[in-house]
Every structure is written in C-alpha cells, then in structure tokens.
Amino acid sequence: MMLLIAAALIACVGLGPALRLLPEPPADTPGAETKLPYADLPGRWRWATRLVIVVAAAPLALRLDPAMAPVWAVVVMVAVPLACIDAATTWLPRLPCQIGWAMTALALIASAWTNDRIDIIWMGAVGGGAAAAILWLVWRLRAGLGFGDVRFVLITGAALGALGWPAWWWGMVAGTALGAATGIIWRSRGRRDGFPYAPGLAAGAWLAALAG
C-alpha cells in the first residue's frame, strides 16, 4: 500500500509550507481576533501532527483493501492534518476542505476505474452527503459545532461510504461519540466556546476502517 505511505510522506513534508499559505478567517468573523494564526502553530505541535499522520497511515497500509487506497490516502493527506489543526485552534480552514472534496471525488473515480467497481463512486458520494447532512442539522441546532465540521465530514463520510454501509454506520457512531466526549471534557474545563469536533470524526472513521 505504497500510496498510503506516499500520502503520509507528502503530508509530513508539506505541513509547514501549507500552514504558511493558509488564509486566515476574515477579521470580522466572531472569535477571529483571539485565534492563533496557522503559521504560528509551534514546532512541537507540528512534530506531533507528523507523528499522528504516520501512526494513522501505517495500520491502514497493512489492513485496508487496496481498492480503497486512493480514497483513504486523501484522508491521511488532508483530513488527518485538518483534524490536528482543529485540535489546536478549534478552526477548520475552508480552502483545504474544498481541496479535499476535489481530491476525494478524483480518488473515488480512480478506485472505481482501476477496480471496475462503479459502486465505489455512488457509495462514497452518498456516504459523504449523508454525513454532511447529519452534521448540518446538528449545526443548525447550535450544538457547539462550527460549519467547518460540516465541510470536514464530507471527506471522512465519503471514505467510510466507499467501504460500505456497516463501516459508514460504525464510523459515524464512533466519531459522534468521540466528538461528544471531547465536548464534555471541553465544557468541564469551563470553556463555553466551540470545541474541536473533527479529531473525533477522523478517529471514528479510522477505527471503522481498521475494524472493517
């Protein structure tokens, strides 16, 4: 599964330059005035993020169906670093999410083409759309989620959908549970602002992929 290892290597090498290029939210966005700039994320965090990327990619390379490698390479390259950014800043930048959507769409097509499985495309599309619809409803209820989580889950939801509906279901359940646990811990520390939900979503998807 060299594709997953290559994706991890690209993500690790490109992390620093990507942080420098990421646009900051508009100054009039609520909370933007207290946000740590992406380019100022400390070196310790950057090395921890690289470790998380490698730890995420290695077991996937050993366990995952090769047909799923392109889709999950996007998770490793885009979703995992984004989850780490969310953990550090509680913000999910829009541009990398949008790039992740395009990469996921291309990866689904590549997986379907090389494995003669057209179902991979529609399962991934439905999985991503359903996951985003669920989080959009939660976001509308103002349950502590930001709209960035809705954008983010399109990537992990599509990757889970491509694996099949049992994986999608358990990945979403695990991600929701882990995200809720993060929120409880966040609130128990006296924080009343938004909390990082993407790490739970990414971890839940990763666990479901390994279990499948």
C-alpha atoms as a PDB file:
ATOM      1  CA  MET A   1       0.000   0.000   0.000  1.00  0.00           C
ATOM      2  CA  MET A   2       2.680   2.435  -1.076  1.00  0.00           C
ATOM      3  CA  LEU A   3       0.057   5.038  -1.940  1.00  0.00           C
ATOM      4  CA  LEU A   4      -0.873   5.500   1.717  1.00  0.00           C
ATOM      5  CA  ILE A   5       2.768   5.744   2.757  1.00  0.00           C
ATOM      6  CA  ALA A   6       3.400   8.275  -0.016  1.00  0.00           C
ATOM      7  CA  ALA A   7       0.375  10.290   1.134  1.00  0.00           C
ATOM      8  CA  ALA A   8       1.723  10.360   4.686  1.00  0.00           C
ATOM      9  CA  LEU A   9       5.161  11.469   3.457  1.00  0.00           C
ATOM     10  CA  ILE A  10       3.669  14.270   1.349  1.00  0.00           C
ATOM     11  CA  ALA A  11       1.534  15.437   4.278  1.00  0.00           C
ATOM     12  CA  CYS A  12       4.503  15.458   6.647  1.00  0.00           C
ATOM     13  CA  VAL A  13       6.786  17.340   4.256  1.00  0.00           C
ATOM     14  CA  GLY A  14       4.107  19.772   3.123  1.00  0.00           C
ATOM     15  CA  LEU A  15       2.739  20.631   6.565  1.00  0.00           C
ATOM     16  CA  GLY A  16       4.976  23.647   7.205  1.00  0.00           C
ATOM     17  CA  PRO A  17       4.543  25.295   3.780  1.00  0.00           C
ATOM     18  CA  ALA A  18       0.798  24.632   3.877  1.00  0.00           C
ATOM     19  CA  LEU A  19       0.439  26.384   7.242  1.00  0.00           C
ATOM     20  CA  ARG A  20       2.252  29.442   5.901  1.00  0.00           C
ATOM     21  CA  LEU A  21      -0.067  29.603   2.884  1.00  0.00           C
ATOM     22  CA  LEU A  22      -3.365  29.057   4.699  1.00  0.00           C
ATOM     23  CA  PRO A  23      -5.546  32.173   4.638  1.00  0.00           C
ATOM     24  CA  GLU A  24      -6.795  33.374   7.998  1.00  0.00           C
ATOM     25  CA  PRO A  25     -10.529  33.918   8.592  1.00  0.00           C
ATOM     26  CA  PRO A  26     -11.827  37.453   7.958  1.00  0.00           C
ATOM     27  CA  ALA A  27     -11.128  39.826  10.823  1.00  0.00           C
ATOM     28  CA  ASP A  28     -14.847  40.428  11.418  1.00  0.00           C
ATOM     29  CA  THR A  29     -15.530  36.709  11.974  1.00  0.00           C
ATOM     30  CA  PRO A  30     -16.565  36.050  15.597  1.00  0.00           C
ATOM     31  CA  GLY A  31     -13.575  34.710  17.526  1.00  0.00           C
ATOM     32  CA  ALA A  32     -11.031  35.550  14.818  1.00  0.00           C
ATOM     33  CA  GLU A  33      -9.376  38.199  16.976  1.00  0.00           C
ATOM     34  CA  THR A  34      -8.263  35.613  19.560  1.00  0.00           C
ATOM     35  CA  LYS A  35      -7.378  32.813  17.143  1.00  0.00           C
ATOM     36  CA  LEU A  36      -3.772  31.615  16.944  1.00  0.00           C
ATOM     37  CA  PRO A  37      -2.580  32.133  13.343  1.00  0.00           C
ATOM     38  CA  TYR A  38      -1.983  28.885  11.474  1.00  0.00           C
ATOM     39  CA  ALA A  39       1.567  29.926  10.588  1.00  0.00           C
ATOM     40  CA  ASP A  40       2.335  30.433  14.293  1.00  0.00           C
ATOM     41  CA  LEU A  41       1.452  26.909  15.376  1.00  0.00           C
ATOM     42  CA  PRO A  42       4.517  25.789  17.369  1.00  0.00           C
ATOM     43  CA  GLY A  43       7.160  23.312  16.280  1.00  0.00           C
ATOM     44  CA  ARG A  44       6.142  20.847  18.980  1.00  0.00           C
ATOM     45  CA  TRP A  45       2.625  20.726  17.551  1.00  0.00           C
ATOM     46  CA  ARG A  46       3.996  20.255  14.023  1.00  0.00           C
ATOM     47  CA  TRP A  47       6.082  17.255  15.017  1.00  0.00           C
ATOM     48  CA  ALA A  48       3.165  15.781  16.974  1.00  0.00           C
ATOM     49  CA  THR A  49       0.970  16.204  13.891  1.00  0.00           C
ATOM     50  CA  ARG A  50       3.514  14.423  11.716  1.00  0.00           C
ATOM     51  CA  LEU A  51       3.581  11.575  14.221  1.00  0.00           C
ATOM     52  CA  VAL A  52      -0.224  11.353  14.131  1.00  0.00           C
ATOM     53  CA  ILE A  53      -0.151  11.239  10.319  1.00  0.00           C
ATOM     54  CA  VAL A  54       2.355   8.362  10.310  1.00  0.00           C
ATOM     55  CA  VAL A  55       0.505   6.457  13.039  1.00  0.00           C
ATOM     56  CA  ALA A  56      -2.740   6.865  11.086  1.00  0.00           C
ATOM     57  CA  ALA A  57      -1.258   5.741   7.769  1.00  0.00           C
ATOM     58  CA  ALA A  58       0.791   2.713   8.850  1.00  0.00           C
ATOM     59  CA  PRO A  59      -2.016   0.384  10.027  1.00  0.00           C
ATOM     60  CA  LEU A  60      -4.238   1.466   7.135  1.00  0.00           C
ATOM     61  CA  ALA A  61      -1.479   0.451   4.730  1.00  0.00           C
ATOM     62  CA  LEU A  62      -1.422  -3.001   6.322  1.00  0.00           C
ATOM     63  CA  ARG A  63      -5.153  -3.585   6.803  1.00  0.00           C
ATOM     64  CA  LEU A  64      -7.054  -1.729   4.117  1.00  0.00           C
ATOM     65  CA  ASP A  65      -8.428  -3.215   0.901  1.00  0.00           C
ATOM     66  CA  PRO A  66      -6.082  -1.966  -1.865  1.00  0.00           C
ATOM     67  CA  ALA A  67      -9.132  -0.792  -3.813  1.00  0.00           C
ATOM     68  CA  MET A  68      -9.741   1.791  -1.093  1.00  0.00           C
ATOM     69  CA  ALA A  69      -6.180   3.146  -1.014  1.00  0.00           C
ATOM     70  CA  PRO A  70      -6.781   6.276  -3.160  1.00  0.00           C
ATOM     71  CA  VAL A  71      -9.742   7.436  -1.072  1.00  0.00           C
ATOM     72  CA  TRP A  72      -8.043   6.838   2.254  1.00  0.00           C
ATOM     73  CA  ALA A  73      -4.847   8.451   1.003  1.00  0.00           C
ATOM     74  CA  VAL A  74      -6.892  11.670   0.893  1.00  0.00           C
ATOM     75  CA  VAL A  75      -7.952  11.092   4.496  1.00  0.00           C
ATOM     76  CA  VAL A  76      -4.299  10.700   5.505  1.00  0.00           C
ATOM     77  CA  MET A  77      -3.097  13.651   3.446  1.00  0.00           C
ATOM     78  CA  VAL A  78      -5.917  16.126   4.138  1.00  0.00           C
ATOM     79  CA  ALA A  79      -8.341  15.049   6.867  1.00  0.00           C
ATOM     80  CA  VAL A  80      -5.786  13.992   9.483  1.00  0.00           C
ATOM     81  CA  PRO A  81      -3.789  17.268   9.339  1.00  0.00           C
ATOM     82  CA  LEU A  82      -7.051  19.233   9.374  1.00  0.00           C
ATOM     83  CA  ALA A  83      -8.188  17.367  12.480  1.00  0.00           C
ATOM     84  CA  CYS A  84      -4.903  18.266  14.168  1.00  0.00           C
ATOM     85  CA  ILE A  85      -5.353  21.921  13.187  1.00  0.00           C
ATOM     86  CA  ASP A  86      -8.844  21.836  14.679  1.00  0.00           C
ATOM     87  CA  ALA A  87      -7.494  20.307  17.883  1.00  0.00           C
ATOM     88  CA  ALA A  88      -5.001  23.162  18.227  1.00  0.00           C
ATOM     89  CA  THR A  89      -7.141  26.115  17.110  1.00  0.00           C
ATOM     90  CA  THR A  90     -10.816  24.954  17.065  1.00  0.00           C
ATOM     91  CA  TRP A  91     -10.872  26.258  13.472  1.00  0.00           C
ATOM     92  CA  LEU A  92     -11.094  24.302  10.216  1.00  0.00           C
ATOM     93  CA  PRO A  93      -9.834  26.348   7.258  1.00  0.00           C
ATOM     94  CA  ARG A  94     -12.179  26.304   4.291  1.00  0.00           C
ATOM     95  CA  LEU A  95      -9.690  26.004   1.421  1.00  0.00           C
ATOM     96  CA  PRO A  96      -8.094  22.662   2.453  1.00  0.00           C
ATOM     97  CA  CYS A  97     -11.569  21.197   2.979  1.00  0.00           C
ATOM     98  CA  GLN A  98     -12.576  22.227  -0.528  1.00  0.00           C
ATOM     99  CA  ILE A  99      -9.357  20.812  -1.957  1.00  0.00           C
ATOM    100  CA  GLY A 100     -10.104  17.627  -0.023  1.00  0.00           C
ATOM    101  CA  TRP A 101     -13.529  17.376  -1.662  1.00  0.00           C
ATOM    102  CA  ALA A 102     -11.992  17.571  -5.136  1.00  0.00           C
ATOM    103  CA  MET A 103      -9.289  15.051  -4.240  1.00  0.00           C
ATOM    104  CA  THR A 104     -11.880  12.692  -2.744  1.00  0.00           C
ATOM    105  CA  ALA A 105     -14.010  12.861  -5.894  1.00  0.00           C
ATOM    106  CA  LEU A 106     -10.990  12.070  -8.073  1.00  0.00           C
ATOM    107  CA  ALA A 107      -9.931   9.272  -5.711  1.00  0.00           C
ATOM    108  CA  LEU A 108     -13.388   7.680  -5.844  1.00  0.00           C
ATOM    109  CA  ILE A 109     -13.302   7.771  -9.640  1.00  0.00           C
ATOM    110  CA  ALA A 110      -9.772   6.312  -9.678  1.00  0.00           C
ATOM    111  CA  SER A 111     -10.750   3.496  -7.313  1.00  0.00           C
ATOM    112  CA  ALA A 112     -13.854   2.703  -9.353  1.00  0.00           C
ATOM    113  CA  TRP A 113     -11.934   2.769 -12.646  1.00  0.00           C
ATOM    114  CA  THR A 114      -8.966   0.646 -11.583  1.00  0.00           C
ATOM    115  CA  ASN A 115     -11.097  -1.943  -9.789  1.00  0.00           C
ATOM    116  CA  ASP A 116     -14.060  -1.977 -12.208  1.00  0.00           C
ATOM    117  CA  ARG A 117     -16.408  -1.088  -9.347  1.00  0.00           C
ATOM    118  CA  ILE A 118     -18.707   1.778 -10.254  1.00  0.00           C
ATOM    119  CA  ASP A 119     -20.470   1.326  -6.906  1.00  0.00           C
ATOM    120  CA  ILE A 120     -17.489   2.920  -5.152  1.00  0.00           C
ATOM    121  CA  ILE A 121     -18.423   6.294  -6.665  1.00  0.00           C
ATOM    122  CA  TRP A 122     -22.060   6.390  -5.626  1.00  0.00           C
ATOM    123  CA  MET A 123     -21.417   4.806  -2.226  1.00  0.00           C
ATOM    124  CA  GLY A 124     -18.763   7.411  -1.484  1.00  0.00           C
ATOM    125  CA  ALA A 125     -20.953  10.248  -2.742  1.00  0.00           C
ATOM    126  CA  VAL A 126     -23.964   9.133  -0.716  1.00  0.00           C
ATOM    127  CA  GLY A 127     -21.800   8.474   2.351  1.00  0.00           C
ATOM    128  CA  GLY A 128     -20.267  11.930   2.245  1.00  0.00           C
ATOM    129  CA  GLY A 129     -23.567  13.643   1.529  1.00  0.00           C
ATOM    130  CA  ALA A 130     -25.417  11.801   4.291  1.00  0.00           C
ATOM    131  CA  ALA A 131     -22.702  12.541   6.846  1.00  0.00           C
ATOM    132  CA  ALA A 132     -22.681  16.229   5.907  1.00  0.00           C
ATOM    133  CA  ALA A 133     -26.489  16.398   6.063  1.00  0.00           C
ATOM    134  CA  ILE A 134     -26.497  14.970   9.592  1.00  0.00           C
ATOM    135  CA  LEU A 135     -23.878  17.420  10.826  1.00  0.00           C
ATOM    136  CA  TRP A 136     -25.610  20.283   9.051  1.00  0.00           C
ATOM    137  CA  LEU A 137     -28.755  19.552  11.074  1.00  0.00           C
ATOM    138  CA  VAL A 138     -26.700  19.448  14.272  1.00  0.00           C
ATOM    139  CA  TRP A 139     -25.008  22.713  13.292  1.00  0.00           C
ATOM    140  CA  ARG A 140     -28.414  24.321  12.750  1.00  0.00           C
ATOM    141  CA  LEU A 141     -29.306  23.374  16.318  1.00  0.00           C
ATOM    142  CA  ARG A 142     -26.253  25.327  17.534  1.00  0.00           C
ATOM    143  CA  ALA A 143     -24.879  22.326  19.415  1.00  0.00           C
ATOM    144  CA  GLY A 144     -21.326  23.676  19.616  1.00  0.00           C
ATOM    145  CA  LEU A 145     -20.328  22.648  16.094  1.00  0.00           C
ATOM    146  CA  GLY A 146     -18.928  25.024  13.531  1.00  0.00           C
ATOM    147  CA  PHE A 147     -19.756  24.847   9.843  1.00  0.00           C
ATOM    148  CA  GLY A 148     -16.189  23.701   9.264  1.00  0.00           C
ATOM    149  CA  ASP A 149     -17.182  20.338  10.742  1.00  0.00           C
ATOM    150  CA  VAL A 150     -19.881  20.024   8.076  1.00  0.00           C
ATOM    151  CA  ARG A 151     -17.279  20.652   5.382  1.00  0.00           C
ATOM    152  CA  PHE A 152     -14.804  18.283   7.007  1.00  0.00           C
ATOM    153  CA  VAL A 153     -17.132  15.295   7.330  1.00  0.00           C
ATOM    154  CA  LEU A 154     -17.724  15.223   3.581  1.00  0.00           C
ATOM    155  CA  ILE A 155     -14.208  13.776   3.297  1.00  0.00           C
ATOM    156  CA  THR A 156     -14.391  11.171   6.059  1.00  0.00           C
ATOM    157  CA  GLY A 157     -18.023  10.341   5.271  1.00  0.00           C
ATOM    158  CA  ALA A 158     -17.177   9.629   1.634  1.00  0.00           C
ATOM    159  CA  ALA A 159     -14.230   7.441   2.635  1.00  0.00           C
ATOM    160  CA  LEU A 160     -16.448   5.476   5.019  1.00  0.00           C
ATOM    161  CA  GLY A 161     -19.231   5.189   2.445  1.00  0.00           C
ATOM    162  CA  ALA A 162     -16.807   3.692  -0.071  1.00  0.00           C
ATOM    163  CA  LEU A 163     -16.034   0.942   2.445  1.00  0.00           C
ATOM    164  CA  GLY A 164     -19.717   0.008   2.774  1.00  0.00           C
ATOM    165  CA  TRP A 165     -22.669   0.884   4.946  1.00  0.00           C
ATOM    166  CA  PRO A 166     -21.619  -1.066   8.074  1.00  0.00           C
ATOM    167  CA  ALA A 167     -18.306   0.822   8.106  1.00  0.00           C
ATOM    168  CA  TRP A 168     -20.113   4.111   7.466  1.00  0.00           C
ATOM    169  CA  TRP A 169     -22.546   3.496  10.314  1.00  0.00           C
ATOM    170  CA  TRP A 170     -19.937   2.461  12.863  1.00  0.00           C
ATOM    171  CA  GLY A 171     -17.535   5.173  11.775  1.00  0.00           C
ATOM    172  CA  MET A 172     -20.181   7.841  12.239  1.00  0.00           C
ATOM    173  CA  VAL A 173     -21.291   6.407  15.591  1.00  0.00           C
ATOM    174  CA  ALA A 174     -17.708   6.231  16.848  1.00  0.00           C
ATOM    175  CA  GLY A 175     -16.913   9.699  15.522  1.00  0.00           C
ATOM    176  CA  THR A 176     -20.022  11.181  17.126  1.00  0.00           C
ATOM    177  CA  ALA A 177     -19.253   9.508  20.455  1.00  0.00           C
ATOM    178  CA  LEU A 178     -15.638  10.674  20.447  1.00  0.00           C
ATOM    179  CA  GLY A 179     -16.663  14.167  19.400  1.00  0.00           C
ATOM    180  CA  ALA A 180     -19.276  14.320  22.158  1.00  0.00           C
ATOM    181  CA  ALA A 181     -16.700  13.142  24.702  1.00  0.00           C
ATOM    182  CA  THR A 182     -14.400  15.941  23.557  1.00  0.00           C
ATOM    183  CA  GLY A 183     -17.221  18.424  24.043  1.00  0.00           C
ATOM    184  CA  ILE A 184     -17.945  17.159  27.556  1.00  0.00           C
ATOM    185  CA  ILE A 185     -14.279  17.468  28.532  1.00  0.00           C
ATOM    186  CA  TRP A 186     -14.167  20.928  26.944  1.00  0.00           C
ATOM    187  CA  ARG A 187     -17.184  22.120  28.914  1.00  0.00           C
ATOM    188  CA  SER A 188     -15.914  20.550  32.143  1.00  0.00           C
ATOM    189  CA  ARG A 189     -12.887  22.829  31.896  1.00  0.00           C
ATOM    190  CA  GLY A 190     -15.113  25.871  31.861  1.00  0.00           C
ATOM    191  CA  ARG A 191     -14.864  26.526  28.120  1.00  0.00           C
ATOM    192  CA  ARG A 192     -18.063  27.821  26.531  1.00  0.00           C
ATOM    193  CA  ASP A 193     -16.771  28.446  23.036  1.00  0.00           C
ATOM    194  CA  GLY A 194     -16.716  25.982  20.157  1.00  0.00           C
ATOM    195  CA  PHE A 195     -14.808  22.759  20.694  1.00  0.00           C
ATOM    196  CA  PRO A 196     -12.740  20.648  18.248  1.00  0.00           C
ATOM    197  CA  TYR A 197     -15.073  18.039  16.749  1.00  0.00           C
ATOM    198  CA  ALA A 198     -13.014  16.981  13.717  1.00  0.00           C
ATOM    199  CA  PRO A 199     -10.494  14.884  15.709  1.00  0.00           C
ATOM    200  CA  GLY A 200     -13.335  12.661  16.924  1.00  0.00           C
ATOM    201  CA  LEU A 201     -14.762  12.333  13.419  1.00  0.00           C
ATOM    202  CA  ALA A 202     -11.361  11.411  11.991  1.00  0.00           C
ATOM    203  CA  ALA A 203     -10.595   8.930  14.778  1.00  0.00           C
ATOM    204  CA  GLY A 204     -14.003   7.273  14.424  1.00  0.00           C
ATOM    205  CA  ALA A 205     -13.538   6.864  10.677  1.00  0.00           C
ATOM    206  CA  TRP A 206     -10.030   5.478  11.180  1.00  0.00           C
ATOM    207  CA  LEU A 207     -11.208   2.922  13.746  1.00  0.00           C
ATOM    208  CA  ALA A 208     -14.050   1.782  11.485  1.00  0.00           C
ATOM    209  CA  ALA A 209     -11.667   1.380   8.540  1.00  0.00           C
ATOM    210  CA  LEU A 210      -9.325  -0.779  10.607  1.00  0.00           C
ATOM    211  CA  ALA A 211     -12.173  -2.830  12.060  1.00  0.00           C
ATOM    212  CA  GLY A 212     -13.598  -3.495   8.611  1.00  0.00           C
END
